[in-house]
Amino acid sequence: LLLTFNVFIDIGPILAGAGILGLAVSFGAQSLVKD
């Protein structure tokens, strides 16, 4: 899916934003991380 999106748009900024978003989500999903 990532490579497919990369055909049309540059996914570099999206991945960087997703990393920051994932860090924020991880604080609110601690039980999932524990799982």
PDB file of all heavy atoms in Angstrom:
ATOM      1  N   LEU A   1       0.827  -1.207   0.000  1.00  0.00           N
ATOM      2  CA  LEU A   1       0.000   0.000   0.000  1.00  0.00           C
ATOM      3  C   LEU A   1       0.865   1.262   0.000  1.00  0.00           C
ATOM      4  O   LEU A   1       0.576   2.222  -0.728  1.00  0.00           O
ATOM      5  CB  LEU A   1      -0.931  -0.009   1.217  1.00  0.00           C
ATOM      6  CG  LEU A   1      -2.120  -0.977   1.154  1.00  0.00           C
ATOM      7  CD1 LEU A   1      -2.861  -0.980   2.479  1.00  0.00           C
ATOM      8  CD2 LEU A   1      -3.065  -0.596   0.016  1.00  0.00           C
ATOM      9  N   LEU A   2       1.933   1.263   0.810  1.00  0.00           N
ATOM     10  CA  LEU A   2       2.814   2.431   0.855  1.00  0.00           C
ATOM     11  C   LEU A   2       3.484   2.672  -0.499  1.00  0.00           C
ATOM     12  O   LEU A   2       3.572   3.816  -0.978  1.00  0.00           O
ATOM     13  CB  LEU A   2       3.870   2.248   1.945  1.00  0.00           C
ATOM     14  CG  LEU A   2       3.367   2.344   3.392  1.00  0.00           C
ATOM     15  CD1 LEU A   2       4.487   2.012   4.364  1.00  0.00           C
ATOM     16  CD2 LEU A   2       2.804   3.732   3.680  1.00  0.00           C
ATOM     17  N   LEU A   3       3.954   1.596  -1.126  1.00  0.00           N
ATOM     18  CA  LEU A   3       4.594   1.740  -2.436  1.00  0.00           C
ATOM     19  C   LEU A   3       3.586   2.187  -3.493  1.00  0.00           C
ATOM     20  O   LEU A   3       3.940   2.938  -4.423  1.00  0.00           O
ATOM     21  CB  LEU A   3       5.249   0.420  -2.841  1.00  0.00           C
ATOM     22  CG  LEU A   3       6.463  -0.004  -2.007  1.00  0.00           C
ATOM     23  CD1 LEU A   3       6.971  -1.372  -2.464  1.00  0.00           C
ATOM     24  CD2 LEU A   3       7.570   1.038  -2.099  1.00  0.00           C
ATOM     25  N   THR A   4       2.343   1.754  -3.366  1.00  0.00           N
ATOM     26  CA  THR A   4       1.304   2.179  -4.302  1.00  0.00           C
ATOM     27  C   THR A   4       1.040   3.684  -4.170  1.00  0.00           C
ATOM     28  O   THR A   4       0.930   4.411  -5.166  1.00  0.00           O
ATOM     29  CB  THR A   4       0.009   1.393  -4.061  1.00  0.00           C
ATOM     30  OG1 THR A   4       0.259  -0.001  -4.228  1.00  0.00           O
ATOM     31  CG2 THR A   4      -1.080   1.824  -5.039  1.00  0.00           C
ATOM     32  N   PHE A   5       0.935   4.150  -2.926  1.00  0.00           N
ATOM     33  CA  PHE A   5       0.748   5.591  -2.718  1.00  0.00           C
ATOM     34  C   PHE A   5       1.942   6.386  -3.231  1.00  0.00           C
ATOM     35  O   PHE A   5       1.803   7.499  -3.740  1.00  0.00           O
ATOM     36  CB  PHE A   5       0.527   5.891  -1.231  1.00  0.00           C
ATOM     37  CG  PHE A   5      -0.781   5.398  -0.709  1.00  0.00           C
ATOM     38  CD1 PHE A   5      -0.894   4.898   0.582  1.00  0.00           C
ATOM     39  CD2 PHE A   5      -1.911   5.427  -1.498  1.00  0.00           C
ATOM     40  CE1 PHE A   5      -2.105   4.446   1.067  1.00  0.00           C
ATOM     41  CE2 PHE A   5      -3.135   4.975  -1.039  1.00  0.00           C
ATOM     42  CZ  PHE A   5      -3.236   4.475   0.260  1.00  0.00           C
ATOM     43  N   ASN A   6       3.133   5.791  -3.095  1.00  0.00           N
ATOM     44  CA  ASN A   6       4.350   6.487  -3.512  1.00  0.00           C
ATOM     45  C   ASN A   6       4.407   6.679  -5.022  1.00  0.00           C
ATOM     46  O   ASN A   6       5.162   7.511  -5.522  1.00  0.00           O
ATOM     47  CB  ASN A   6       5.573   5.709  -3.034  1.00  0.00           C
ATOM     48  CG  ASN A   6       6.848   6.513  -3.141  1.00  0.00           C
ATOM     49  OD1 ASN A   6       6.906   7.664  -2.697  1.00  0.00           O
ATOM     50  ND2 ASN A   6       7.876   5.937  -3.756  1.00  0.00           N
ATOM     51  N   VAL A   7       3.642   5.904  -5.756  1.00  0.00           N
ATOM     52  CA  VAL A   7       3.588   6.081  -7.209  1.00  0.00           C
ATOM     53  C   VAL A   7       3.007   7.451  -7.554  1.00  0.00           C
ATOM     54  O   VAL A   7       3.411   8.093  -8.535  1.00  0.00           O
ATOM     55  CB  VAL A   7       2.757   4.950  -7.845  1.00  0.00           C
ATOM     56  CG1 VAL A   7       2.511   5.230  -9.335  1.00  0.00           C
ATOM     57  CG2 VAL A   7       3.464   3.611  -7.674  1.00  0.00           C
ATOM     58  N   PHE A   8       2.055   7.926  -6.769  1.00  0.00           N
ATOM     59  CA  PHE A   8       1.351   9.177  -7.073  1.00  0.00           C
ATOM     60  C   PHE A   8       1.866  10.351  -6.249  1.00  0.00           C
ATOM     61  O   PHE A   8       1.889  11.481  -6.732  1.00  0.00           O
ATOM     62  CB  PHE A   8      -0.152   8.998  -6.828  1.00  0.00           C
ATOM     63  CG  PHE A   8      -0.764   7.906  -7.649  1.00  0.00           C
ATOM     64  CD1 PHE A   8      -1.019   6.657  -7.098  1.00  0.00           C
ATOM     65  CD2 PHE A   8      -1.070   8.112  -8.990  1.00  0.00           C
ATOM     66  CE1 PHE A   8      -1.596   5.653  -7.841  1.00  0.00           C
ATOM     67  CE2 PHE A   8      -1.643   7.106  -9.754  1.00  0.00           C
ATOM     68  CZ  PHE A   8      -1.900   5.868  -9.186  1.00  0.00           C
ATOM     69  N   ILE A   9       2.245  10.096  -4.980  1.00  0.00           N
ATOM     70  CA  ILE A   9       2.680  11.189  -4.117  1.00  0.00           C
ATOM     71  C   ILE A   9       3.933  10.763  -3.361  1.00  0.00           C
ATOM     72  O   ILE A   9       4.226   9.568  -3.238  1.00  0.00           O
ATOM     73  CB  ILE A   9       1.581  11.578  -3.105  1.00  0.00           C
ATOM     74  CG1 ILE A   9       1.183  10.363  -2.263  1.00  0.00           C
ATOM     75  CG2 ILE A   9       0.379  12.186  -3.799  1.00  0.00           C
ATOM     76  CD1 ILE A   9       0.166  10.690  -1.185  1.00  0.00           C
ATOM     77  N   ASP A  10       4.670  11.755  -2.870  1.00  0.00           N
ATOM     78  CA  ASP A  10       5.856  11.487  -2.063  1.00  0.00           C
ATOM     79  C   ASP A  10       5.407  11.148  -0.650  1.00  0.00           C
ATOM     80  O   ASP A  10       4.801  11.979   0.043  1.00  0.00           O
ATOM     81  CB  ASP A  10       6.769  12.707  -2.056  1.00  0.00           C
ATOM     82  CG  ASP A  10       8.069  12.431  -1.291  1.00  0.00           C
ATOM     83  OD1 ASP A  10       8.329  11.249  -0.985  1.00  0.00           O
ATOM     84  OD2 ASP A  10       8.797  13.398  -1.008  1.00  0.00           O
ATOM     85  N   ILE A  11       5.693   9.903  -0.215  1.00  0.00           N
ATOM     86  CA  ILE A  11       5.203   9.462   1.093  1.00  0.00           C
ATOM     87  C   ILE A  11       6.183   9.778   2.217  1.00  0.00           C
ATOM     88  O   ILE A  11       5.918   9.446   3.379  1.00  0.00           O
ATOM     89  CB  ILE A  11       4.918   7.948   1.088  1.00  0.00           C
ATOM     90  CG1 ILE A  11       6.208   7.153   0.840  1.00  0.00           C
ATOM     91  CG2 ILE A  11       3.854   7.605   0.075  1.00  0.00           C
ATOM     92  CD1 ILE A  11       6.019   5.643   0.986  1.00  0.00           C
ATOM     93  N   GLY A  12       7.335  10.393   1.898  1.00  0.00           N
ATOM     94  CA  GLY A  12       8.307  10.732   2.937  1.00  0.00           C
ATOM     95  C   GLY A  12       7.723  11.600   4.037  1.00  0.00           C
ATOM     96  O   GLY A  12       7.790  11.254   5.226  1.00  0.00           O
ATOM     97  N   PRO A  13       7.130  12.770   3.680  1.00  0.00           N
ATOM     98  CA  PRO A  13       6.520  13.607   4.725  1.00  0.00           C
ATOM     99  C   PRO A  13       5.390  12.893   5.467  1.00  0.00           C
ATOM    100  O   PRO A  13       5.195  13.096   6.662  1.00  0.00           O
ATOM    101  CB  PRO A  13       5.991  14.815   3.942  1.00  0.00           C
ATOM    102  CG  PRO A  13       6.820  14.840   2.691  1.00  0.00           C
ATOM    103  CD  PRO A  13       7.094  13.417   2.363  1.00  0.00           C
ATOM    104  N   ILE A  14       4.650  12.039   4.739  1.00  0.00           N
ATOM    105  CA  ILE A  14       3.551  11.314   5.381  1.00  0.00           C
ATOM    106  C   ILE A  14       4.086  10.350   6.442  1.00  0.00           C
ATOM    107  O   ILE A  14       3.553  10.232   7.548  1.00  0.00           O
ATOM    108  CB  ILE A  14       2.717  10.549   4.337  1.00  0.00           C
ATOM    109  CG1 ILE A  14       2.049  11.538   3.379  1.00  0.00           C
ATOM    110  CG2 ILE A  14       1.683   9.662   5.007  1.00  0.00           C
ATOM    111  CD1 ILE A  14       1.258  10.886   2.277  1.00  0.00           C
ATOM    112  N   LEU A  15       5.189   9.650   6.105  1.00  0.00           N
ATOM    113  CA  LEU A  15       5.785   8.715   7.068  1.00  0.00           C
ATOM    114  C   LEU A  15       6.310   9.459   8.288  1.00  0.00           C
ATOM    115  O   LEU A  15       6.189   8.981   9.422  1.00  0.00           O
ATOM    116  CB  LEU A  15       6.911   7.930   6.398  1.00  0.00           C
ATOM    117  CG  LEU A  15       6.491   6.935   5.316  1.00  0.00           C
ATOM    118  CD1 LEU A  15       7.713   6.261   4.695  1.00  0.00           C
ATOM    119  CD2 LEU A  15       5.551   5.878   5.896  1.00  0.00           C
ATOM    120  N   ALA A  16       6.914  10.629   8.068  1.00  0.00           N
ATOM    121  CA  ALA A  16       7.408  11.412   9.202  1.00  0.00           C
ATOM    122  C   ALA A  16       6.253  11.853  10.097  1.00  0.00           C
ATOM    123  O   ALA A  16       6.329  11.762  11.324  1.00  0.00           O
ATOM    124  CB  ALA A  16       8.186  12.619   8.699  1.00  0.00           C
ATOM    125  N   GLY A  17       5.177  12.320   9.450  1.00  0.00           N
ATOM    126  CA  GLY A  17       4.001  12.716  10.239  1.00  0.00           C
ATOM    127  C   GLY A  17       3.369  11.533  10.945  1.00  0.00           C
ATOM    128  O   GLY A  17       2.892  11.640  12.074  1.00  0.00           O
ATOM    129  N   ALA A  18       3.358  10.376  10.269  1.00  0.00           N
ATOM    130  CA  ALA A  18       2.780   9.177  10.884  1.00  0.00           C
ATOM    131  C   ALA A  18       3.579   8.751  12.100  1.00  0.00           C
ATOM    132  O   ALA A  18       3.025   8.259  13.087  1.00  0.00           O
ATOM    133  CB  ALA A  18       2.722   8.047   9.860  1.00  0.00           C
ATOM    134  N   GLY A  19       4.917   8.948  12.042  1.00  0.00           N
ATOM    135  CA  GLY A  19       5.740   8.594  13.200  1.00  0.00           C
ATOM    136  C   GLY A  19       5.399   9.446  14.404  1.00  0.00           C
ATOM    137  O   GLY A  19       5.277   8.940  15.525  1.00  0.00           O
ATOM    138  N   ILE A  20       5.220  10.753  14.161  1.00  0.00           N
ATOM    139  CA  ILE A  20       4.841  11.648  15.261  1.00  0.00           C
ATOM    140  C   ILE A  20       3.447  11.314  15.762  1.00  0.00           C
ATOM    141  O   ILE A  20       3.187  11.268  16.978  1.00  0.00           O
ATOM    142  CB  ILE A  20       4.917  13.117  14.794  1.00  0.00           C
ATOM    143  CG1 ILE A  20       6.360  13.463  14.388  1.00  0.00           C
ATOM    144  CG2 ILE A  20       4.420  14.054  15.892  1.00  0.00           C
ATOM    145  CD1 ILE A  20       6.503  14.832  13.757  1.00  0.00           C
ATOM    146  N   LEU A  21       2.536  11.049  14.826  1.00  0.00           N
ATOM    147  CA  LEU A  21       1.173  10.687  15.218  1.00  0.00           C
ATOM    148  C   LEU A  21       1.156   9.372  15.997  1.00  0.00           C
ATOM    149  O   LEU A  21       0.440   9.227  16.988  1.00  0.00           O
ATOM    150  CB  LEU A  21       0.294  10.582  13.970  1.00  0.00           C
ATOM    151  CG  LEU A  21      -1.178  10.187  14.211  1.00  0.00           C
ATOM    152  CD1 LEU A  21      -1.873  11.240  15.070  1.00  0.00           C
ATOM    153  CD2 LEU A  21      -1.908   9.999  12.883  1.00  0.00           C
ATOM    154  N   GLY A  22       1.987   8.415  15.543  1.00  0.00           N
ATOM    155  CA  GLY A  22       2.051   7.139  16.245  1.00  0.00           C
ATOM    156  C   GLY A  22       2.566   7.284  17.660  1.00  0.00           C
ATOM    157  O   GLY A  22       2.095   6.607  18.584  1.00  0.00           O
ATOM    158  N   LEU A  23       3.531   8.182  17.850  1.00  0.00           N
ATOM    159  CA  LEU A  23       4.039   8.438  19.199  1.00  0.00           C
ATOM    160  C   LEU A  23       2.950   9.023  20.080  1.00  0.00           C
ATOM    161  O   LEU A  23       2.814   8.653  21.256  1.00  0.00           O
ATOM    162  CB  LEU A  23       5.234   9.389  19.125  1.00  0.00           C
ATOM    163  CG  LEU A  23       5.933   9.723  20.458  1.00  0.00           C
ATOM    164  CD1 LEU A  23       6.506   8.458  21.077  1.00  0.00           C
ATOM    165  CD2 LEU A  23       7.010  10.771  20.242  1.00  0.00           C
ATOM    166  N   ALA A  24       2.157   9.928  19.509  1.00  0.00           N
ATOM    167  CA  ALA A  24       1.073  10.526  20.294  1.00  0.00           C
ATOM    168  C   ALA A  24      -0.004   9.494  20.621  1.00  0.00           C
ATOM    169  O   ALA A  24      -0.535   9.452  21.731  1.00  0.00           O
ATOM    170  CB  ALA A  24       0.465  11.699  19.525  1.00  0.00           C
ATOM    171  N   VAL A  25      -0.322   8.654  19.625  1.00  0.00           N
ATOM    172  CA  VAL A  25      -1.353   7.639  19.844  1.00  0.00           C
ATOM    173  C   VAL A  25      -0.898   6.615  20.876  1.00  0.00           C
ATOM    174  O   VAL A  25      -1.701   6.095  21.663  1.00  0.00           O
ATOM    175  CB  VAL A  25      -1.712   6.959  18.502  1.00  0.00           C
ATOM    176  CG1 VAL A  25      -2.610   5.747  18.739  1.00  0.00           C
ATOM    177  CG2 VAL A  25      -2.394   7.955  17.579  1.00  0.00           C
ATOM    178  N   SER A  26       0.405   6.310  20.898  1.00  0.00           N
ATOM    179  CA  SER A  26       0.904   5.279  21.806  1.00  0.00           C
ATOM    180  C   SER A  26       0.661   5.646  23.266  1.00  0.00           C
ATOM    181  O   SER A  26       0.446   4.771  24.103  1.00  0.00           O
ATOM    182  CB  SER A  26       2.398   5.048  21.575  1.00  0.00           C
ATOM    183  OG  SER A  26       3.146   6.209  21.897  1.00  0.00           O
ATOM    184  N   PHE A  27       0.684   6.951  23.569  1.00  0.00           N
ATOM    185  CA  PHE A  27       0.411   7.363  24.947  1.00  0.00           C
ATOM    186  C   PHE A  27      -1.045   7.105  25.317  1.00  0.00           C
ATOM    187  O   PHE A  27      -1.351   6.887  26.487  1.00  0.00           O
ATOM    188  CB  PHE A  27       0.748   8.849  25.128  1.00  0.00           C
ATOM    189  CG  PHE A  27       2.224   9.123  25.153  1.00  0.00           C
ATOM    190  CD1 PHE A  27       2.842   9.697  24.059  1.00  0.00           C
ATOM    191  CD2 PHE A  27       2.988   8.799  26.266  1.00  0.00           C
ATOM    192  CE1 PHE A  27       4.206   9.957  24.072  1.00  0.00           C
ATOM    193  CE2 PHE A  27       4.353   9.057  26.286  1.00  0.00           C
ATOM    194  CZ  PHE A  27       4.960   9.629  25.191  1.00  0.00           C
ATOM    195  N   GLY A  28      -1.924   7.166  24.342  1.00  0.00           N
ATOM    196  CA  GLY A  28      -3.330   6.907  24.620  1.00  0.00           C
ATOM    197  C   GLY A  28      -3.726   5.470  24.419  1.00  0.00           C
ATOM    198  O   GLY A  28      -4.874   5.098  24.669  1.00  0.00           O
ATOM    199  N   ALA A  29      -2.824   4.639  23.939  1.00  0.00           N
ATOM    200  CA  ALA A  29      -3.120   3.215  23.700  1.00  0.00           C
ATOM    201  C   ALA A  29      -2.081   2.344  24.390  1.00  0.00           C
ATOM    202  O   ALA A  29      -1.495   1.457  23.790  1.00  0.00           O
ATOM    203  CB  ALA A  29      -3.154   2.942  22.201  1.00  0.00           C
ATOM    204  N   GLN A  30      -1.861   2.647  25.665  1.00  0.00           N
ATOM    205  CA  GLN A  30      -0.838   1.924  26.407  1.00  0.00           C
ATOM    206  C   GLN A  30      -1.185   0.447  26.558  1.00  0.00           C
ATOM    207  O   GLN A  30      -0.306  -0.405  26.555  1.00  0.00           O
ATOM    208  CB  GLN A  30      -0.637   2.568  27.780  1.00  0.00           C
ATOM    209  CG  GLN A  30      -0.074   3.979  27.719  1.00  0.00           C
ATOM    210  CD  GLN A  30       0.194   4.562  29.093  1.00  0.00           C
ATOM    211  OE1 GLN A  30       0.246   3.838  30.072  1.00  0.00           O
ATOM    212  NE2 GLN A  30       0.352   5.869  29.164  1.00  0.00           N
ATOM    213  N   SER A  31      -2.485   0.145  26.707  1.00  0.00           N
ATOM    214  CA  SER A  31      -2.878  -1.260  26.861  1.00  0.00           C
ATOM    215  C   SER A  31      -2.559  -2.061  25.601  1.00  0.00           C
ATOM    216  O   SER A  31      -2.158  -3.223  25.680  1.00  0.00           O
ATOM    217  CB  SER A  31      -4.377  -1.360  27.168  1.00  0.00           C
ATOM    218  OG  SER A  31      -5.144  -0.801  26.108  1.00  0.00           O
ATOM    219  N   LEU A  32      -2.722  -1.401  24.422  1.00  0.00           N
ATOM    220  CA  LEU A  32      -2.393  -2.083  23.172  1.00  0.00           C
ATOM    221  C   LEU A  32      -0.896  -2.358  23.081  1.00  0.00           C
ATOM    222  O   LEU A  32      -0.474  -3.436  22.656  1.00  0.00           O
ATOM    223  CB  LEU A  32      -2.855  -1.238  21.990  1.00  0.00           C
ATOM    224  CG  LEU A  32      -2.709  -1.872  20.595  1.00  0.00           C
ATOM    225  CD1 LEU A  32      -3.566  -3.118  20.498  1.00  0.00           C
ATOM    226  CD2 LEU A  32      -3.090  -0.868  19.520  1.00  0.00           C
ATOM    227  N   VAL A  33      -0.097  -1.397  23.504  1.00  0.00           N
ATOM    228  CA  VAL A  33       1.356  -1.583  23.509  1.00  0.00           C
ATOM    229  C   VAL A  33       1.733  -2.710  24.470  1.00  0.00           C
ATOM    230  O   VAL A  33       2.582  -3.550  24.170  1.00  0.00           O
ATOM    231  CB  VAL A  33       2.059  -0.277  23.890  1.00  0.00           C
ATOM    232  CG1 VAL A  33       3.564  -0.491  24.008  1.00  0.00           C
ATOM    233  CG2 VAL A  33       1.757   0.810  22.867  1.00  0.00           C
ATOM    234  N   LYS A  34       1.073  -2.743  25.635  1.00  0.00           N
ATOM    235  CA  LYS A  34       1.333  -3.815  26.598  1.00  0.00           C
ATOM    236  C   LYS A  34       0.981  -5.178  26.010  1.00  0.00           C
ATOM    237  O   LYS A  34       1.672  -6.172  26.252  1.00  0.00           O
ATOM    238  CB  LYS A  34       0.534  -3.574  27.876  1.00  0.00           C
ATOM    239  CG  LYS A  34       1.022  -2.404  28.713  1.00  0.00           C
ATOM    240  CD  LYS A  34       0.159  -2.245  29.957  1.00  0.00           C
ATOM    241  CE  LYS A  34       0.622  -1.067  30.800  1.00  0.00           C
ATOM    242  NZ  LYS A  34      -0.248  -0.883  31.997  1.00  0.00           N
ATOM    243  N   ASP A  35      -0.133  -5.224  25.239  1.00  0.00           N
ATOM    244  CA  ASP A  35      -0.528  -6.488  24.602  1.00  0.00           C
ATOM    245  C   ASP A  35       0.578  -7.001  23.685  1.00  0.00           C
ATOM    246  O   ASP A  35       0.931  -8.182  23.724  1.00  0.00           O
ATOM    247  CB  ASP A  35      -1.821  -6.293  23.794  1.00  0.00           C
ATOM    248  CG  ASP A  35      -3.036  -6.109  24.683  1.00  0.00           C
ATOM    249  OD1 ASP A  35      -2.972  -6.509  25.852  1.00  0.00           O
ATOM    250  OD2 ASP A  35      -4.041  -5.556  24.202  1.00  0.00           O
TER     251      ASP A  35
END
